[in-house]
């Protein structure tokens, strides 16, 4: 079992990165690349089929220049707090990956930005990944 978990982590991380290489190029995370308002379009993972959301669904994430975030829904309510993005090297592959950490958490979520999309997800094999498109 100790061998299976790292293998699945490497496999899933590789799949996320390989999937991001198709279509628009990956942009480095940093400075103003992620600031703005992002609308949720797809949730995937957990051994379930993708859950797709239409444009204008009202669910999303706003990342601000002052390192604050706001998850929101149609009603405007949601979770708020602070975040930071750090690059960590995955020990098995020596690949540098970006992680977003909310509210001083010690476990971050993998974050990958393409030209028009932002993917944020758990780096575990069956973890949830949310895909957003920029709306502002």
C-alpha atoms as a PDB file:
ATOM      1  CA  UNK A   1       0.000   0.000   0.000  1.00  0.00           C
ATOM      2  CA  UNK A   2       2.928   2.360   0.677  1.00  0.00           C
ATOM      3  CA  UNK A   3       4.009   2.012  -2.959  1.00  0.00           C
ATOM      4  CA  UNK A   4       0.515   2.426  -4.409  1.00  0.00           C
ATOM      5  CA  UNK A   5      -0.241   5.855  -2.885  1.00  0.00           C
ATOM      6  CA  UNK A   6       2.897   7.609  -4.230  1.00  0.00           C
ATOM      7  CA  UNK A   7       2.363   5.949  -7.608  1.00  0.00           C
ATOM      8  CA  UNK A   8      -1.223   7.190  -7.763  1.00  0.00           C
ATOM      9  CA  UNK A   9      -0.135  10.681  -6.717  1.00  0.00           C
ATOM     10  CA  UNK A  10       2.489  10.795  -9.474  1.00  0.00           C
ATOM     11  CA  UNK A  11      -0.002   9.416 -11.991  1.00  0.00           C
ATOM     12  CA  UNK A  12      -2.705  11.942 -11.129  1.00  0.00           C
ATOM     13  CA  UNK A  13      -0.311  14.880 -10.968  1.00  0.00           C
ATOM     14  CA  UNK A  14       1.126  13.877 -14.344  1.00  0.00           C
ATOM     15  CA  UNK A  15      -2.379  13.586 -15.803  1.00  0.00           C
ATOM     16  CA  UNK A  16      -3.305  17.066 -14.569  1.00  0.00           C
ATOM     17  CA  UNK A  17      -0.147  18.581 -16.005  1.00  0.00           C
ATOM     18  CA  UNK A  18      -0.392  16.654 -19.279  1.00  0.00           C
ATOM     19  CA  UNK A  19      -4.004  17.717 -19.628  1.00  0.00           C
ATOM     20  CA  UNK A  20      -3.008  21.324 -19.149  1.00  0.00           C
ATOM     21  CA  UNK A  21      -0.523  21.109 -21.998  1.00  0.00           C
ATOM     22  CA  UNK A  22      -3.258  20.528 -24.548  1.00  0.00           C
ATOM     23  CA  UNK A  23      -4.736  23.706 -25.999  1.00  0.00           C
ATOM     24  CA  UNK A  24      -3.576  26.961 -24.515  1.00  0.00           C
ATOM     25  CA  UNK A  25      -0.127  27.239 -22.953  1.00  0.00           C
ATOM     26  CA  UNK A  26       0.461  27.055 -19.200  1.00  0.00           C
ATOM     27  CA  UNK A  27       1.204  30.425 -17.636  1.00  0.00           C
ATOM     28  CA  UNK A  28       3.524  30.646 -14.658  1.00  0.00           C
ATOM     29  CA  UNK A  29       1.720  31.324 -11.409  1.00  0.00           C
ATOM     30  CA  UNK A  30       2.725  34.574  -9.832  1.00  0.00           C
ATOM     31  CA  UNK A  31       2.185  38.284  -9.626  1.00  0.00           C
ATOM     32  CA  UNK A  32      -1.036  39.170 -11.439  1.00  0.00           C
ATOM     33  CA  UNK A  33      -1.647  35.913 -13.338  1.00  0.00           C
ATOM     34  CA  UNK A  34      -4.402  34.649 -11.039  1.00  0.00           C
ATOM     35  CA  UNK A  35      -5.912  37.884  -9.741  1.00  0.00           C
ATOM     36  CA  UNK A  36      -9.503  38.453 -10.711  1.00  0.00           C
ATOM     37  CA  UNK A  37     -12.855  36.741 -10.745  1.00  0.00           C
ATOM     38  CA  UNK A  38     -13.164  33.113 -11.875  1.00  0.00           C
ATOM     39  CA  UNK A  39     -16.394  31.190 -12.520  1.00  0.00           C
ATOM     40  CA  UNK A  40     -16.688  27.477 -11.752  1.00  0.00           C
ATOM     41  CA  UNK A  41     -17.270  25.353 -14.867  1.00  0.00           C
ATOM     42  CA  UNK A  42     -16.289  21.783 -13.942  1.00  0.00           C
ATOM     43  CA  UNK A  43     -15.723  19.682 -10.841  1.00  0.00           C
ATOM     44  CA  UNK A  44     -14.011  16.336 -11.319  1.00  0.00           C
ATOM     45  CA  UNK A  45     -12.602  13.608  -9.149  1.00  0.00           C
ATOM     46  CA  UNK A  46     -13.714  11.352  -6.379  1.00  0.00           C
ATOM     47  CA  UNK A  47     -14.285   8.528  -8.878  1.00  0.00           C
ATOM     48  CA  UNK A  48     -17.423  10.327 -10.081  1.00  0.00           C
ATOM     49  CA  UNK A  49     -18.245  11.670 -13.542  1.00  0.00           C
ATOM     50  CA  UNK A  50     -17.441  15.323 -14.228  1.00  0.00           C
ATOM     51  CA  UNK A  51     -20.022  17.796 -12.960  1.00  0.00           C
ATOM     52  CA  UNK A  52     -20.317  20.635 -15.483  1.00  0.00           C
ATOM     53  CA  UNK A  53     -21.758  24.077 -14.756  1.00  0.00           C
ATOM     54  CA  UNK A  54     -23.109  26.454 -17.418  1.00  0.00           C
ATOM     55  CA  UNK A  55     -21.784  29.970 -17.974  1.00  0.00           C
ATOM     56  CA  UNK A  56     -23.460  32.413 -15.607  1.00  0.00           C
ATOM     57  CA  UNK A  57     -24.022  29.784 -12.911  1.00  0.00           C
ATOM     58  CA  UNK A  58     -22.989  32.211 -10.162  1.00  0.00           C
ATOM     59  CA  UNK A  59     -20.440  29.935  -8.448  1.00  0.00           C
ATOM     60  CA  UNK A  60     -16.870  31.083  -8.378  1.00  0.00           C
ATOM     61  CA  UNK A  61     -13.718  32.351  -6.781  1.00  0.00           C
ATOM     62  CA  UNK A  62     -12.216  35.807  -6.574  1.00  0.00           C
ATOM     63  CA  UNK A  63      -8.476  36.141  -5.919  1.00  0.00           C
ATOM     64  CA  UNK A  64      -7.378  39.650  -4.976  1.00  0.00           C
ATOM     65  CA  UNK A  65      -4.030  41.408  -5.215  1.00  0.00           C
ATOM     66  CA  UNK A  66      -3.959  41.838  -1.418  1.00  0.00           C
ATOM     67  CA  UNK A  67      -3.858  38.013  -1.004  1.00  0.00           C
ATOM     68  CA  UNK A  68      -7.505  37.730  -0.001  1.00  0.00           C
ATOM     69  CA  UNK A  69      -9.976  35.344  -1.595  1.00  0.00           C
ATOM     70  CA  UNK A  70     -13.746  34.967  -1.752  1.00  0.00           C
ATOM     71  CA  UNK A  71     -15.582  31.805  -2.804  1.00  0.00           C
ATOM     72  CA  UNK A  72     -19.095  32.848  -3.814  1.00  0.00           C
ATOM     73  CA  UNK A  73     -22.397  31.513  -5.105  1.00  0.00           C
ATOM     74  CA  UNK A  74     -25.399  33.207  -6.761  1.00  0.00           C
ATOM     75  CA  UNK A  75     -26.522  34.709  -3.474  1.00  0.00           C
ATOM     76  CA  UNK A  76     -23.127  36.391  -3.059  1.00  0.00           C
ATOM     77  CA  UNK A  77     -22.375  34.537   0.163  1.00  0.00           C
ATOM     78  CA  UNK A  78     -19.421  32.257   0.626  1.00  0.00           C
ATOM     79  CA  UNK A  79     -16.071  31.735   2.264  1.00  0.00           C
ATOM     80  CA  UNK A  80     -13.495  34.515   2.629  1.00  0.00           C
ATOM     81  CA  UNK A  81      -9.953  34.627   3.911  1.00  0.00           C
ATOM     82  CA  UNK A  82      -6.333  34.913   2.879  1.00  0.00           C
ATOM     83  CA  UNK A  83      -4.193  32.812   0.547  1.00  0.00           C
ATOM     84  CA  UNK A  84      -0.666  32.483  -0.728  1.00  0.00           C
ATOM     85  CA  UNK A  85       0.835  30.536  -3.624  1.00  0.00           C
ATOM     86  CA  UNK A  86       4.113  28.646  -3.259  1.00  0.00           C
ATOM     87  CA  UNK A  87       6.140  26.452  -5.584  1.00  0.00           C
ATOM     88  CA  UNK A  88       7.138  23.104  -4.134  1.00  0.00           C
ATOM     89  CA  UNK A  89       9.212  20.343  -5.681  1.00  0.00           C
ATOM     90  CA  UNK A  90       7.537  16.963  -5.709  1.00  0.00           C
ATOM     91  CA  UNK A  91      10.141  14.596  -4.262  1.00  0.00           C
ATOM     92  CA  UNK A  92       9.388  11.559  -6.469  1.00  0.00           C
ATOM     93  CA  UNK A  93       9.710  13.387  -9.816  1.00  0.00           C
ATOM     94  CA  UNK A  94      11.619  16.540  -8.844  1.00  0.00           C
ATOM     95  CA  UNK A  95       8.918  18.471 -10.707  1.00  0.00           C
ATOM     96  CA  UNK A  96       8.171  21.994  -9.465  1.00  0.00           C
ATOM     97  CA  UNK A  97       4.445  22.432  -8.848  1.00  0.00           C
ATOM     98  CA  UNK A  98       2.434  25.417  -7.623  1.00  0.00           C
ATOM     99  CA  UNK A  99       0.166  25.088  -4.589  1.00  0.00           C
ATOM    100  CA  UNK A 100      -2.362  27.521  -3.154  1.00  0.00           C
ATOM    101  CA  UNK A 101      -2.677  27.650   0.630  1.00  0.00           C
ATOM    102  CA  UNK A 102      -5.830  29.086   2.196  1.00  0.00           C
ATOM    103  CA  UNK A 103      -5.925  30.756   5.613  1.00  0.00           C
ATOM    104  CA  UNK A 104      -2.443  29.665   6.698  1.00  0.00           C
ATOM    105  CA  UNK A 105      -3.180  25.973   6.066  1.00  0.00           C
ATOM    106  CA  UNK A 106      -0.185  23.647   5.906  1.00  0.00           C
ATOM    107  CA  UNK A 107      -1.676  21.504   3.111  1.00  0.00           C
ATOM    108  CA  UNK A 108      -2.122  23.269  -0.188  1.00  0.00           C
ATOM    109  CA  UNK A 109      -4.129  22.531  -3.311  1.00  0.00           C
ATOM    110  CA  UNK A 110      -2.417  22.090  -6.668  1.00  0.00           C
ATOM    111  CA  UNK A 111      -3.041  25.159  -8.860  1.00  0.00           C
ATOM    112  CA  UNK A 112      -2.467  25.262 -12.626  1.00  0.00           C
ATOM    113  CA  UNK A 113      -3.298  28.226 -14.852  1.00  0.00           C
ATOM    114  CA  UNK A 114      -3.756  28.084 -18.598  1.00  0.00           C
ATOM    115  CA  UNK A 115      -4.483  31.152 -20.671  1.00  0.00           C
ATOM    116  CA  UNK A 116      -8.184  31.216 -19.881  1.00  0.00           C
ATOM    117  CA  UNK A 117      -8.675  28.619 -17.155  1.00  0.00           C
ATOM    118  CA  UNK A 118      -7.595  27.993 -13.585  1.00  0.00           C
ATOM    119  CA  UNK A 119      -7.546  24.472 -12.110  1.00  0.00           C
ATOM    120  CA  UNK A 120      -7.387  24.041  -8.350  1.00  0.00           C
ATOM    121  CA  UNK A 121      -7.430  20.607  -6.839  1.00  0.00           C
ATOM    122  CA  UNK A 122      -6.387  18.129  -4.251  1.00  0.00           C
ATOM    123  CA  UNK A 123      -3.169  16.369  -5.275  1.00  0.00           C
ATOM    124  CA  UNK A 124      -4.438  13.021  -3.965  1.00  0.00           C
ATOM    125  CA  UNK A 125      -5.508  10.307  -6.389  1.00  0.00           C
ATOM    126  CA  UNK A 126      -9.245  10.632  -5.792  1.00  0.00           C
ATOM    127  CA  UNK A 127      -9.306  14.296  -4.796  1.00  0.00           C
ATOM    128  CA  UNK A 128     -11.632  16.913  -6.220  1.00  0.00           C
ATOM    129  CA  UNK A 129     -10.394  19.332  -8.879  1.00  0.00           C
ATOM    130  CA  UNK A 130     -12.331  22.483  -9.748  1.00  0.00           C
ATOM    131  CA  UNK A 131     -11.880  24.176 -13.111  1.00  0.00           C
ATOM    132  CA  UNK A 132     -12.682  27.875 -13.467  1.00  0.00           C
ATOM    133  CA  UNK A 133     -12.796  30.346 -16.363  1.00  0.00           C
ATOM    134  CA  UNK A 134     -11.909  34.007 -15.940  1.00  0.00           C
ATOM    135  CA  UNK A 135     -14.910  36.332 -15.944  1.00  0.00           C
ATOM    136  CA  UNK A 136     -13.189  39.571 -14.826  1.00  0.00           C
END
